[in-house]
Amino acid sequence: MKTRMTELMGTEYPIMQGGMQWVGRAELASAVSNAGALGTLTGLTQPTPEDLAKEIKRCQDMTDKPFAVNLTILPAITPPPYEEYAQAIAEGGVKIIETAGRNPKPFMPMFHEHGMKVIHKCTAVRHAVSAQNAGVDAVSIDGVECAGHPGEDNITNFLLLPLAAKALDIPFLASGGIGNGQGLAAALALGADGINMGTRFMATKEAPVHDNVKQAMVDASELDTAHIMKTVNNTMRVFKNSVAEKVLEIEAEPGETEFENLRPYVAGARGRVVFETGDMEHGVWTAGIVLGLIYDIPSCEELVQRIMQECNDTITSRLSGLLSQ
């Protein structure tokens, strides 16, 4: 399948694996890329820029196909050395970077100087237009369905995608709530040039997370996520476990929510322990409502081929068969 995104990414299929904290490691990224899609390393999963450089090299040893690196740039009391992480990505020979959080404009000269393509993740069309004006090569449009930070607008992809198609000149991916080929076909029909999947790729054989997590995703439904931290304007969609429910209890208390009261429960390090040990109640971990479409734990190759076959069947059989002869 050829779209503007396959041409930009140099992939066989218009599917990108989203950047996921603690999950986007070489094992998963290389498997996705080897399957004909675009795998993604998560930059800040690595503790230092030097470690990221080593992980990039490890991924290059595991695949000769294109892969991306995600760099999420957020304000923090003690921010990571973003400039050094960006330098490690550029100097590592990576040709595609997915940026998220703040506008990547300050980094654009360095990225383009190294011949890199920039895909910026956005939760609103107005942000996508701003990113386009900043010179990015493509954007990922994240609807309220997605895992992690969906923004504060609560707009679904069914509306966001045609709005983006009308407002943008650059290619864009649909992200959130997509886990099968029907979703890919729908995204293409709504104007997107491909899809960006995170949660669905977590439930694969190569994903570096504990089997308890993968099985919980198979057993879960679309009702098993929760939006937390909405009261502090930093909404996150996470798996609904006892820790997430405790956060919701605190947020439901009368008066203004103090982030310090939430901090012990939402610390990212606790989610890492969930992924590594399989202790499902140790902390919060991000998951999208696409949980409702996860029935098994295939390899990345099996998943990508299934999605493409389902998409092909949807377009050539179901949709074309609806047309009047």
Protein backbone atom coordinates (compact mmCIF):
# COMPACT_ATOMS: atom_id res chain seq x y z
CA MET A 1 0.00 0.00 0.00
CA LYS A 2 1.37 3.40 -0.98
CA THR A 3 0.40 6.59 0.85
CA ARG A 4 2.17 9.84 1.58
CA MET A 5 3.27 8.32 4.91
CA THR A 6 4.81 5.18 3.41
CA GLU A 7 6.77 7.40 1.04
CA LEU A 8 7.86 9.67 3.89
CA MET A 9 8.78 6.83 6.27
CA GLY A 10 10.20 4.46 3.67
CA THR A 11 8.00 1.61 4.89
CA GLU A 12 5.96 -1.04 3.12
CA TYR A 13 2.80 -0.34 5.12
CA PRO A 14 1.23 2.89 6.51
CA ILE A 15 1.51 1.74 10.12
CA MET A 16 3.67 3.33 12.82
CA GLN A 17 4.31 2.00 16.32
CA GLY A 18 3.86 4.83 18.79
CA GLY A 19 6.52 5.84 21.28
CA MET A 20 5.71 4.28 24.67
CA GLN A 21 7.62 4.94 27.88
CA TRP A 22 9.40 1.78 29.15
CA VAL A 23 8.07 -0.20 26.15
CA GLY A 24 9.73 1.36 23.08
CA ARG A 25 12.93 -0.66 23.18
CA ALA A 26 14.97 -2.27 20.40
CA GLU A 27 13.18 -5.64 20.66
CA LEU A 28 9.80 -4.16 19.79
CA ALA A 29 10.93 -1.42 17.41
CA SER A 30 13.03 -3.77 15.29
CA ALA A 31 10.24 -6.38 15.14
CA VAL A 32 7.72 -3.78 13.95
CA SER A 33 10.12 -2.45 11.32
CA ASN A 34 11.02 -5.95 10.14
CA ALA A 35 7.28 -6.55 9.68
CA GLY A 36 7.12 -3.69 7.15
CA ALA A 37 5.78 -0.97 9.47
CA LEU A 38 7.70 1.72 11.36
CA GLY A 39 9.04 0.76 14.77
CA THR A 40 9.82 3.44 17.33
CA LEU A 41 12.32 3.63 20.17
CA THR A 42 11.28 5.81 23.11
CA GLY A 43 14.15 8.19 23.78
CA LEU A 44 13.50 8.99 27.43
CA THR A 45 13.10 5.31 28.34
CA GLN A 46 16.90 5.32 28.25
CA PRO A 47 18.38 6.95 31.38
CA THR A 48 21.02 9.00 29.56
CA PRO A 49 21.73 10.23 26.01
CA GLU A 50 24.68 7.83 25.97
CA ASP A 51 22.38 4.93 26.74
CA LEU A 52 20.05 6.05 23.97
CA ALA A 53 22.94 6.06 21.50
CA LYS A 54 23.67 2.45 22.48
CA GLU A 55 20.00 1.47 22.10
CA ILE A 56 19.89 3.05 18.64
CA LYS A 57 22.93 0.99 17.65
CA ARG A 58 21.33 -2.14 19.11
CA CYS A 59 18.19 -1.54 17.05
CA GLN A 60 20.26 -0.97 13.91
CA ASP A 61 21.91 -4.34 14.52
CA MET A 62 18.45 -5.97 14.70
CA THR A 63 16.90 -4.42 11.58
CA ASP A 64 18.03 -2.87 8.33
CA LYS A 65 14.62 -1.24 7.89
CA PRO A 66 13.72 2.35 8.87
CA PHE A 67 12.77 3.05 12.48
CA ALA A 68 12.00 6.21 14.43
CA VAL A 69 12.91 7.57 17.85
CA ASN A 70 10.36 9.38 20.01
CA LEU A 71 11.43 12.44 22.00
CA THR A 72 8.77 13.89 24.30
CA ILE A 73 9.61 17.43 25.39
CA LEU A 74 7.70 18.55 28.47
CA PRO A 75 8.23 21.25 31.09
CA ALA A 76 9.69 19.92 34.33
CA ILE A 77 11.29 21.19 37.53
CA THR A 78 14.42 19.25 36.60
CA PRO A 79 14.09 18.60 32.86
CA PRO A 80 16.15 15.93 31.09
CA PRO A 81 18.94 17.22 28.83
CA TYR A 82 16.68 17.35 25.79
CA GLU A 83 19.33 18.92 23.58
CA GLU A 84 21.73 16.06 24.30
CA TYR A 85 19.05 13.44 23.66
CA ALA A 86 18.19 15.14 20.35
CA GLN A 87 21.88 15.21 19.44
CA ALA A 88 22.24 11.49 20.18
CA ILE A 89 19.29 10.73 17.91
CA ALA A 90 20.58 12.89 15.07
CA GLU A 91 24.16 11.67 15.31
CA GLY A 92 23.00 8.06 15.59
CA GLY A 93 21.91 8.07 11.98
CA VAL A 94 18.17 7.91 12.74
CA LYS A 95 16.21 9.36 9.83
CA ILE A 96 12.78 9.75 11.46
CA ILE A 97 11.98 11.37 14.80
CA GLU A 98 8.61 11.55 16.50
CA THR A 99 8.37 14.60 18.73
CA ALA A 100 5.67 15.22 21.32
CA GLY A 101 4.84 17.76 23.98
CA ARG A 102 6.22 21.21 23.26
CA ASN A 103 6.55 22.67 19.78
CA PRO A 104 9.74 21.16 18.23
CA LYS A 105 10.62 24.38 16.37
CA PRO A 106 13.87 25.03 18.34
CA PHE A 107 15.18 21.61 17.28
CA MET A 108 14.09 21.73 13.64
CA PRO A 109 17.35 23.19 12.19
CA MET A 110 19.40 20.37 13.75
CA PHE A 111 16.97 17.66 12.67
CA HIS A 112 16.79 18.87 9.08
CA GLU A 113 20.54 19.47 8.95
CA HIS A 114 20.94 15.73 9.61
CA GLY A 115 18.39 14.86 6.91
CA MET A 116 15.75 13.72 9.40
CA LYS A 117 12.00 13.65 8.89
CA VAL A 118 9.98 15.02 11.83
CA ILE A 119 6.57 13.65 12.84
CA HIS A 120 4.99 15.70 15.62
CA LYS A 121 2.27 14.26 17.85
CA CYS A 122 -0.75 16.56 18.34
CA THR A 123 -4.03 16.31 20.24
CA ALA A 124 -5.75 19.20 18.45
CA VAL A 125 -5.93 20.45 14.87
CA ARG A 126 -4.78 23.92 15.94
CA HIS A 127 -1.60 22.35 17.35
CA ALA A 128 -1.10 20.42 14.12
CA VAL A 129 -1.35 23.62 12.09
CA SER A 130 1.20 25.25 14.40
CA ALA A 131 3.54 22.29 13.94
CA GLN A 132 3.10 22.46 10.17
CA ASN A 133 4.03 26.15 10.29
CA ALA A 134 7.12 25.21 12.33
CA GLY A 135 8.31 23.03 9.47
CA VAL A 136 7.55 19.46 10.57
CA ASP A 137 7.18 16.89 7.81
CA ALA A 138 4.08 15.15 9.19
CA VAL A 139 1.90 14.99 12.28
CA SER A 140 0.16 12.31 14.31
CA ILE A 141 -3.38 13.29 15.30
CA ASP A 142 -4.26 11.82 18.72
CA GLY A 143 -7.93 11.51 19.55
CA VAL A 144 -9.44 11.19 23.02
CA GLU A 145 -9.43 7.41 22.47
CA CYS A 146 -5.65 7.17 22.80
CA ALA A 147 -3.55 6.01 25.72
CA GLY A 148 -1.43 8.43 27.71
CA HIS A 149 -2.02 12.16 27.25
CA PRO A 150 -5.01 12.87 24.94
CA GLY A 151 -5.11 16.60 25.62
CA GLU A 152 -8.00 18.39 27.27
CA ASP A 153 -10.45 18.82 24.38
CA ASN A 154 -12.05 15.33 24.44
CA ILE A 155 -12.53 15.18 20.66
CA THR A 156 -12.76 11.81 18.92
CA ASN A 157 -10.85 10.83 15.80
CA PHE A 158 -14.10 10.56 13.86
CA LEU A 159 -14.17 14.36 13.94
CA LEU A 160 -10.48 15.21 14.30
CA LEU A 161 -9.33 13.39 11.16
CA PRO A 162 -11.55 15.12 8.58
CA LEU A 163 -10.85 18.44 10.29
CA ALA A 164 -7.13 17.75 10.00
CA ALA A 165 -7.50 16.74 6.36
CA LYS A 166 -9.14 20.07 5.64
CA ALA A 167 -6.61 22.16 7.59
CA LEU A 168 -3.29 20.49 6.74
CA ASP A 169 -1.12 20.23 3.64
CA ILE A 170 1.36 17.76 5.15
CA PRO A 171 0.71 14.02 5.68
CA PHE A 172 -0.79 12.87 8.96
CA LEU A 173 -1.39 9.70 10.94
CA ALA A 174 -4.46 8.73 12.96
CA SER A 175 -3.72 7.69 16.54
CA GLY A 176 -6.08 6.35 19.19
CA GLY A 177 -8.61 3.54 19.21
CA ILE A 178 -7.11 1.68 16.23
CA GLY A 179 -6.18 -1.98 16.52
CA ASN A 180 -7.31 -3.72 13.35
CA GLY A 181 -7.57 -3.34 9.59
CA GLN A 182 -11.05 -1.89 9.69
CA GLY A 183 -9.62 0.95 11.76
CA LEU A 184 -6.88 1.53 9.19
CA ALA A 185 -9.44 1.59 6.37
CA ALA A 186 -11.60 4.04 8.33
CA ALA A 187 -8.61 6.31 9.02
CA LEU A 188 -7.73 6.37 5.33
CA ALA A 189 -11.34 7.12 4.43
CA LEU A 190 -11.37 10.07 6.85
CA GLY A 191 -8.30 11.60 5.20
CA ALA A 192 -5.35 10.19 7.16
CA ASP A 193 -2.29 8.77 5.43
CA GLY A 194 -1.81 5.93 7.90
CA ILE A 195 -2.13 4.97 11.55
CA ASN A 196 -0.04 5.22 14.71
CA MET A 197 -0.69 2.34 17.16
CA GLY A 198 0.69 2.07 20.68
CA THR A 199 -1.47 -0.06 22.95
CA ARG A 200 -2.09 -2.77 20.35
CA PHE A 201 1.64 -3.28 19.83
CA MET A 202 2.07 -3.77 23.59
CA ALA A 203 0.10 -7.02 23.33
CA THR A 204 2.58 -8.72 21.00
CA LYS A 205 5.15 -11.41 21.58
CA GLU A 206 8.09 -9.04 21.14
CA ALA A 207 6.86 -6.25 23.43
CA PRO A 208 9.23 -6.04 26.44
CA VAL A 209 6.50 -6.13 29.10
CA HIS A 210 5.52 -8.87 31.54
CA ASP A 211 3.11 -11.55 30.33
CA ASN A 212 0.67 -10.55 33.11
CA VAL A 213 0.29 -7.17 31.44
CA LYS A 214 -0.32 -8.69 28.03
CA GLN A 215 -2.90 -11.12 29.39
CA ALA A 216 -4.66 -8.31 31.28
CA MET A 217 -5.02 -6.49 27.97
CA VAL A 218 -6.53 -9.56 26.31
CA ASP A 219 -8.96 -10.02 29.20
CA ALA A 220 -9.94 -6.34 29.36
CA SER A 221 -12.70 -4.52 27.49
CA GLU A 222 -13.07 -0.99 26.19
CA LEU A 223 -14.51 -0.09 29.61
CA ASP A 224 -11.30 -0.89 31.48
CA THR A 225 -9.49 2.45 31.17
CA ALA A 226 -9.82 5.65 33.18
CA HIS A 227 -9.02 9.32 32.64
CA ILE A 228 -6.98 10.52 35.61
CA MET A 229 -5.37 13.88 36.46
CA LYS A 230 -8.08 15.78 34.58
CA THR A 231 -8.52 18.07 37.60
CA VAL A 232 -4.92 19.28 37.23
CA ASN A 233 -5.21 19.76 33.44
CA ASN A 234 -2.85 16.90 32.67
CA THR A 235 -5.30 14.18 31.64
CA MET A 236 -3.95 10.66 31.21
CA ARG A 237 -5.80 7.58 29.98
CA VAL A 238 -4.60 4.58 31.98
CA PHE A 239 -5.59 1.00 32.71
CA LYS A 240 -8.29 0.97 35.39
CA ASN A 241 -6.69 -0.72 38.41
CA SER A 242 -6.84 -0.01 42.14
CA VAL A 243 -4.20 2.73 41.89
CA ALA A 244 -6.10 4.57 39.15
CA GLU A 245 -9.30 4.30 41.18
CA LYS A 246 -7.50 5.77 44.21
CA VAL A 247 -6.42 8.74 42.08
CA LEU A 248 -10.01 9.23 40.94
CA GLU A 249 -11.17 9.16 44.56
CA ILE A 250 -8.72 11.95 45.46
CA GLU A 251 -9.81 13.99 42.44
CA ALA A 252 -13.47 13.60 43.45
CA GLU A 253 -12.88 15.18 46.86
CA PRO A 254 -14.37 18.68 47.34
CA GLY A 255 -12.15 21.64 46.52
CA GLU A 256 -9.18 22.08 44.23
CA THR A 257 -6.98 19.03 43.64
CA GLU A 258 -3.35 19.44 44.67
CA PHE A 259 -0.95 17.57 42.40
CA GLU A 260 1.21 16.71 45.40
CA ASN A 261 -1.64 14.52 46.64
CA LEU A 262 -1.58 12.59 43.35
CA ARG A 263 2.17 12.39 42.86
CA PRO A 264 2.80 9.22 44.94
CA TYR A 265 0.28 7.29 42.83
CA VAL A 266 1.10 8.52 39.32
CA ALA A 267 4.91 8.37 39.38
CA GLY A 268 6.18 6.88 36.13
CA ALA A 269 8.64 4.64 37.95
CA ARG A 270 5.71 2.72 39.44
CA GLY A 271 4.41 1.94 35.96
CA ARG A 272 7.82 0.62 35.01
CA VAL A 273 7.62 -1.86 37.89
CA VAL A 274 4.26 -3.08 36.56
CA PHE A 275 5.79 -3.79 33.16
CA GLU A 276 8.88 -5.49 34.58
CA THR A 277 7.39 -7.58 37.42
CA GLY A 278 3.78 -8.12 36.36
CA ASP A 279 2.46 -6.69 39.65
CA MET A 280 -0.69 -5.22 38.14
CA GLU A 281 -1.57 -3.08 41.17
CA HIS A 282 1.83 -1.47 41.76
CA GLY A 283 1.14 1.70 39.78
CA VAL A 284 -0.71 3.29 36.89
CA TRP A 285 0.14 2.37 33.32
CA THR A 286 -1.18 3.81 30.10
CA ALA A 287 -3.60 1.95 27.85
CA GLY A 288 -6.12 3.05 25.25
CA ILE A 289 -9.73 2.01 24.78
CA VAL A 290 -8.50 -0.17 21.91
CA LEU A 291 -8.24 -2.78 24.69
CA GLY A 292 -11.70 -3.79 23.50
CA LEU A 293 -10.19 -4.99 20.20
CA ILE A 294 -7.33 -7.03 21.69
CA TYR A 295 -8.13 -10.74 21.69
CA ASP A 296 -4.71 -12.36 21.38
CA ILE A 297 -0.93 -11.89 21.60
CA PRO A 298 0.49 -12.33 18.08
CA SER A 299 3.95 -11.57 16.79
CA CYS A 300 4.41 -8.14 15.23
CA GLU A 301 4.67 -9.80 11.82
CA GLU A 302 1.38 -11.63 12.35
CA LEU A 303 -0.35 -8.48 13.60
CA VAL A 304 0.81 -6.26 10.74
CA GLN A 305 -0.11 -8.83 8.10
CA ARG A 306 -3.54 -9.35 9.68
CA ILE A 307 -4.22 -5.61 9.76
CA MET A 308 -3.23 -5.18 6.13
CA GLN A 309 -5.38 -8.14 5.04
CA GLU A 310 -8.37 -6.84 7.01
CA CYS A 311 -7.89 -3.37 5.54
CA ASN A 312 -7.64 -4.77 2.03
CA ASP A 313 -10.76 -6.88 2.50
CA THR A 314 -12.68 -3.93 3.95
CA ILE A 315 -11.83 -1.67 1.02
CA THR A 316 -12.11 -4.17 -1.84
CA SER A 317 -14.99 -6.32 -0.60
CA ARG A 318 -17.21 -4.59 1.94
CA LEU A 319 -16.96 -0.97 0.79
CA SER A 320 -16.83 -1.55 -2.97
CA GLY A 321 -19.68 -4.04 -2.61
CA LEU A 322 -21.91 -1.32 -1.18
CA LEU A 323 -21.71 0.77 -4.34
CA SER A 324 -24.64 0.60 -6.76
CA GLN A 325 -23.80 -1.34 -9.87
